[in-house]
Structures are given as C-alpha cells and as structure tokens.
Amino acid sequence: MQQVSSRGHRSASPTRLVGTVANIEFTLISTVLTLALGVLANGAVDPVVGLHWQAWPYIATGLVLILIFWSRALLHTLSFIGWPLEFGHTFLYFASTLVEAAALTQVSEPAHWYALNALYAACVWCLYAWDLRLVRQQAGDFRTPGERALLADIVADQRLNIRWTIPATVAFQALCWWLVHRYPSAMLDGGWHLLAIGLSLAFSLNYLFDGVRMLRRRQDWIVEQHAQERAEA
C-alpha cells in the first residue's frame, strides 16, 4: 500500500489526476447502477403487468436501494475520493452491485430476496469498513476548518454505519429469510412477509432521505475542500 506523504494524497498530486479519478468513479457508479436498474425493470414486468401486487413493495424497495447506492456513492466521491485510484474500493463496488443485481431478480421470491439482500448488506458493510480505512489514510489532506468539519462528519457517518446501521440491516434481512424459510405458510400464504418488506421499505426511505440531509450539511465544506485543492495545485 502506498504511504501517505506529510502533505496528503490530494495536495501532493496534480489536479488533473484528482479529476480523472473522480470521473472514473462517476462513470463506474453510473454504469453499474444502470445495469442494476435494467435488471429491476426486467424483473418488474411480469408482476406489474400481471397485477401480482404482493411483489410491488419489493419492486419499490429495489428502486430505493438503487437510489441509496447511487446517492451514497456520489457523496463519497465528492467528499473524499481522490488520487491515487483505490482498486479495493472499486472492486467492492462491483461485488456489491453483482449481489444487488441478483437480489433485484427475486422480487417475486421473498425467501431468495431476503437471503440475497442479507449478503448485499454484508458487502456494503465491507465497503464502509474499507472506505473508513481510506479516509483515515487521507486525514492529512483535511487542514482548513471546513475540511476538518467534513472529515469529522465523514468519520462519524462511516462509524455509525459500520457499528450499527449495516449490522442491523444484515440481521434484519437474515431474520426475515429465516422466518420465510421456517414458517412459509404464515409468512407467504398468511401475508406476513408484507409486514417485513413494509418495514424494509420504510427504513430504506429514511436512509435515502438521510443521504439528502447529509449532502445539504456537507455542501459548503465540500466547496471549501475543492477550492483549497485548486489553490494548492
């Protein structure tokens, strides 16, 4: 692993390389999530056309999950992704999207849906842990008051997700899979799986809007950060 210089990654690197990495990241995010959206659209055709309404909450949740990944990935890119290009972070994007796409094909199969979403949440857990390590390596880049405030906000959010939010999500999805697998009559025929997906959709919407609030909170700090980078270049 390349060592961080005393001036940090971004301040010691050409602005062109920083911009190139950001463009690569934006392109990657757009590409993988376009794939995920296409998979969801394909899987949603039969339930929507056939009026299989019990699958509709799963379709809605899948769309929200795509929006969450997209918005959080953009936030991370704007907040701390820079030179040098971090392959581990990028590879985890691909792995997470692969599992997410597989889950999105199962909107009509609750047992498979919950199992794959538990695995997807575990992948996202690894991604948050990797990114926290990346942020700590780049801590020397955050020197102005606004940058230090941004760094503190990034670290706090990463830790919250690593310690509480994502583990709770893994546990919830795994519990739902176990309930469907263990009590299929009650969960499927009795309709109790709709309560589980309703809770999942409510949590996902709250998490999505939390990302919107986070961008509003960080926007001035991000502007200051990029202004500082241009001045140092």
Protein backbone atom coordinates (compact mmCIF):
# COMPACT_ATOMS: atom_id res chain seq x y z
CA MET A 1 0.00 0.00 0.00
CA GLN A 2 1.37 3.39 -0.97
CA GLN A 3 2.26 5.50 2.05
CA VAL A 4 0.60 8.88 2.62
CA SER A 5 3.00 11.81 2.42
CA SER A 6 3.04 14.55 5.05
CA ARG A 7 1.05 16.77 2.70
CA GLY A 8 -1.51 14.05 1.93
CA HIS A 9 -2.59 12.42 -1.32
CA ARG A 10 -4.59 15.13 -3.00
CA SER A 11 -2.50 18.17 -2.12
CA ALA A 12 0.64 16.46 -3.47
CA SER A 13 -0.91 15.27 -6.72
CA PRO A 14 -1.80 17.12 -9.92
CA THR A 15 -5.34 18.42 -10.10
CA ARG A 16 -5.76 16.60 -13.41
CA LEU A 17 -5.22 13.20 -11.75
CA VAL A 18 -7.70 14.01 -8.98
CA GLY A 19 -10.27 14.99 -11.58
CA THR A 20 -9.54 11.86 -13.62
CA VAL A 21 -10.14 9.60 -10.62
CA ALA A 22 -13.40 11.41 -9.84
CA ASN A 23 -14.54 10.99 -13.46
CA ILE A 24 -13.69 7.28 -13.35
CA GLU A 25 -15.68 6.96 -10.13
CA PHE A 26 -18.71 8.79 -11.55
CA THR A 27 -18.59 6.66 -14.72
CA LEU A 28 -18.34 3.46 -12.67
CA ILE A 29 -21.28 4.45 -10.46
CA SER A 30 -23.44 5.31 -13.46
CA THR A 31 -22.55 2.11 -15.32
CA VAL A 32 -23.11 -0.39 -12.53
CA LEU A 33 -26.33 1.22 -11.35
CA THR A 34 -27.70 1.44 -14.88
CA LEU A 35 -27.17 -2.31 -15.01
CA ALA A 36 -28.97 -2.76 -11.67
CA LEU A 37 -31.88 -0.59 -12.82
CA GLY A 38 -32.18 -2.62 -16.02
CA VAL A 39 -32.28 -5.85 -14.02
CA LEU A 40 -35.01 -4.45 -11.76
CA ALA A 41 -37.05 -3.22 -14.73
CA ASN A 42 -36.85 -6.63 -16.36
CA GLY A 43 -37.88 -8.39 -13.17
CA ALA A 44 -40.76 -5.96 -12.58
CA VAL A 45 -42.51 -6.54 -15.91
CA ASP A 46 -44.43 -9.71 -15.04
CA PRO A 47 -45.56 -8.62 -11.54
CA VAL A 48 -46.73 -5.23 -12.81
CA VAL A 49 -48.43 -6.46 -16.00
CA GLY A 50 -49.89 -9.49 -14.25
CA LEU A 51 -51.11 -7.38 -11.31
CA HIS A 52 -49.19 -9.51 -8.81
CA TRP A 53 -49.49 -6.73 -6.26
CA GLN A 54 -47.66 -8.56 -3.46
CA ALA A 55 -44.43 -8.12 -5.44
CA TRP A 56 -44.88 -4.38 -5.81
CA PRO A 57 -43.41 -3.43 -2.40
CA TYR A 58 -40.32 -5.45 -3.33
CA ILE A 59 -40.03 -3.56 -6.62
CA ALA A 60 -40.37 -0.23 -4.80
CA THR A 61 -37.77 -1.27 -2.22
CA GLY A 62 -35.41 -2.36 -5.01
CA LEU A 63 -35.71 1.06 -6.65
CA VAL A 64 -34.99 2.80 -3.34
CA LEU A 65 -31.95 0.56 -2.78
CA ILE A 66 -30.57 1.61 -6.18
CA LEU A 67 -31.12 5.28 -5.32
CA ILE A 68 -29.42 4.79 -1.95
CA PHE A 69 -26.34 3.21 -3.53
CA TRP A 70 -26.19 5.93 -6.18
CA SER A 71 -26.59 8.85 -3.76
CA ARG A 72 -24.17 7.47 -1.14
CA ALA A 73 -21.57 6.63 -3.78
CA LEU A 74 -21.77 10.16 -5.18
CA LEU A 75 -21.47 11.60 -1.67
CA HIS A 76 -18.36 9.55 -1.01
CA THR A 77 -16.82 10.60 -4.32
CA LEU A 78 -17.46 14.29 -3.65
CA SER A 79 -16.28 14.02 -0.04
CA PHE A 80 -13.05 12.01 -0.08
CA ILE A 81 -12.35 10.02 -3.24
CA GLY A 82 -9.21 11.29 -4.99
CA TRP A 83 -5.76 10.30 -6.22
CA PRO A 84 -4.41 7.64 -6.11
CA LEU A 85 -7.05 5.34 -7.59
CA GLU A 86 -8.09 2.80 -4.93
CA PHE A 87 -8.70 -0.60 -6.52
CA GLY A 88 -10.05 -2.30 -3.39
CA HIS A 89 -12.81 0.31 -3.11
CA THR A 90 -13.63 -0.10 -6.82
CA PHE A 91 -13.69 -3.90 -6.69
CA LEU A 92 -16.10 -3.80 -3.74
CA TYR A 93 -18.41 -1.61 -5.85
CA PHE A 94 -18.51 -4.35 -8.47
CA ALA A 95 -19.07 -7.11 -5.91
CA SER A 96 -21.86 -5.20 -4.17
CA THR A 97 -23.59 -4.41 -7.45
CA LEU A 98 -23.39 -8.04 -8.58
CA VAL A 99 -25.17 -9.22 -5.43
CA GLU A 100 -27.64 -6.34 -5.60
CA ALA A 101 -28.49 -7.19 -9.23
CA ALA A 102 -29.04 -10.82 -8.26
CA ALA A 103 -31.38 -9.74 -5.45
CA LEU A 104 -33.34 -7.50 -7.81
CA THR A 105 -34.24 -10.51 -9.95
CA GLN A 106 -36.07 -12.05 -6.98
CA VAL A 107 -38.87 -9.53 -6.41
CA SER A 108 -41.42 -12.37 -6.60
CA GLU A 109 -39.46 -14.78 -4.36
CA PRO A 110 -39.31 -13.41 -0.78
CA ALA A 111 -37.02 -16.16 0.58
CA HIS A 112 -34.42 -15.54 -2.13
CA TRP A 113 -34.89 -11.78 -1.84
CA TYR A 114 -34.05 -11.69 1.87
CA ALA A 115 -31.14 -14.09 1.58
CA LEU A 116 -29.52 -12.11 -1.21
CA ASN A 117 -30.19 -8.77 0.47
CA ALA A 118 -28.54 -10.04 3.66
CA LEU A 119 -25.48 -10.85 1.53
CA TYR A 120 -25.72 -7.47 -0.23
CA ALA A 121 -25.81 -5.66 3.11
CA ALA A 122 -22.73 -7.63 4.19
CA CYS A 123 -20.92 -6.44 1.04
CA VAL A 124 -21.89 -2.85 1.81
CA TRP A 125 -20.63 -3.37 5.37
CA CYS A 126 -17.22 -4.36 3.94
CA LEU A 127 -17.31 -1.32 1.65
CA TYR A 128 -17.93 1.06 4.56
CA ALA A 129 -15.10 -0.51 6.54
CA TRP A 130 -12.72 -0.23 3.58
CA ASP A 131 -13.69 3.39 2.97
CA LEU A 132 -13.13 4.31 6.64
CA ARG A 133 -9.59 2.96 6.31
CA LEU A 134 -9.19 5.04 3.14
CA VAL A 135 -10.47 8.18 4.87
CA ARG A 136 -8.03 7.71 7.76
CA GLN A 137 -5.14 7.42 5.31
CA GLN A 138 -6.17 10.72 3.75
CA ALA A 139 -6.75 12.58 7.04
CA GLY A 140 -3.71 14.78 6.39
CA ASP A 141 -5.47 16.32 3.39
CA PHE A 142 -8.15 17.92 5.59
CA ARG A 143 -6.49 21.03 7.05
CA THR A 144 -8.85 24.02 6.89
CA PRO A 145 -11.69 24.35 9.45
CA GLY A 146 -14.26 23.40 6.82
CA GLU A 147 -12.23 20.40 5.72
CA ARG A 148 -11.78 19.24 9.32
CA ALA A 149 -15.54 19.55 9.86
CA LEU A 150 -16.09 17.50 6.71
CA LEU A 151 -13.64 14.87 7.90
CA ALA A 152 -15.37 14.60 11.28
CA ASP A 153 -18.75 14.21 9.57
CA ILE A 154 -17.41 11.53 7.21
CA VAL A 155 -15.83 9.52 10.02
CA ALA A 156 -18.94 9.79 12.20
CA ASP A 157 -21.17 8.54 9.37
CA GLN A 158 -18.81 5.68 8.49
CA ARG A 159 -18.64 4.56 12.12
CA LEU A 160 -22.41 4.76 12.56
CA ASN A 161 -22.93 2.54 9.54
CA ILE A 162 -20.18 0.08 10.47
CA ARG A 163 -21.21 -0.31 14.12
CA TRP A 164 -25.00 -0.08 13.97
CA THR A 165 -26.89 0.61 10.75
CA ILE A 166 -25.44 -2.02 8.42
CA PRO A 167 -25.12 -4.81 11.04
CA ALA A 168 -28.77 -4.21 11.95
CA THR A 169 -29.68 -4.44 8.27
CA VAL A 170 -27.81 -7.73 7.85
CA ALA A 171 -29.52 -9.13 10.95
CA PHE A 172 -32.98 -7.98 9.85
CA GLN A 173 -32.65 -9.41 6.33
CA ALA A 174 -31.29 -12.69 7.70
CA LEU A 175 -34.14 -12.88 10.23
CA CYS A 176 -36.72 -12.30 7.50
CA TRP A 177 -35.14 -15.05 5.39
CA TRP A 178 -35.23 -17.44 8.36
CA LEU A 179 -38.89 -16.64 9.09
CA VAL A 180 -39.93 -17.21 5.49
CA HIS A 181 -37.88 -20.40 5.34
CA ARG A 182 -39.10 -21.70 8.71
CA TYR A 183 -42.75 -20.59 8.56
CA PRO A 184 -43.66 -20.40 4.86
CA SER A 185 -47.41 -20.80 5.41
CA ALA A 186 -47.68 -17.90 7.83
CA MET A 187 -45.19 -15.63 6.07
CA LEU A 188 -46.26 -16.28 2.45
CA ASP A 189 -49.82 -17.60 2.48
CA GLY A 190 -50.70 -15.54 5.54
CA GLY A 191 -49.16 -12.40 4.07
CA TRP A 192 -46.80 -11.63 6.94
CA HIS A 193 -43.93 -11.14 4.50
CA LEU A 194 -45.65 -7.89 3.52
CA LEU A 195 -45.04 -6.54 7.01
CA ALA A 196 -41.35 -7.41 6.69
CA ILE A 197 -40.97 -5.75 3.28
CA GLY A 198 -43.01 -2.76 4.51
CA LEU A 199 -40.56 -2.24 7.38
CA SER A 200 -37.66 -2.66 4.98
CA LEU A 201 -39.13 -0.07 2.60
CA ALA A 202 -39.74 2.40 5.43
CA PHE A 203 -36.18 2.04 6.70
CA SER A 204 -34.77 2.36 3.18
CA LEU A 205 -36.72 5.56 2.52
CA ASN A 206 -35.49 7.06 5.77
CA TYR A 207 -31.91 6.10 4.89
CA LEU A 208 -32.30 7.63 1.43
CA PHE A 209 -33.54 10.95 2.83
CA ASP A 210 -30.75 10.87 5.42
CA GLY A 211 -28.35 10.97 2.48
CA VAL A 212 -30.16 14.05 1.14
CA ARG A 213 -29.80 15.73 4.52
CA MET A 214 -26.14 14.76 4.61
CA LEU A 215 -25.45 16.44 1.26
CA ARG A 216 -27.10 19.64 2.48
CA ARG A 217 -24.97 19.53 5.62
CA ARG A 218 -21.73 18.89 3.75
CA GLN A 219 -22.13 21.05 0.65
CA ASP A 220 -20.32 24.15 1.98
CA TRP A 221 -17.49 22.02 3.37
CA ILE A 222 -17.11 20.20 0.04
CA VAL A 223 -16.95 23.51 -1.83
CA GLU A 224 -14.25 24.74 0.59
CA GLN A 225 -12.34 21.49 0.17
CA HIS A 226 -12.25 21.70 -3.62
CA ALA A 227 -11.36 25.40 -3.51
CA GLN A 228 -8.43 24.54 -1.23
CA GLU A 229 -7.28 21.80 -3.61
CA ARG A 230 -7.29 24.19 -6.55
CA ALA A 231 -5.35 26.79 -4.55
CA GLU A 232 -2.70 24.26 -3.55
CA ALA A 233 -2.36 22.97 -7.11
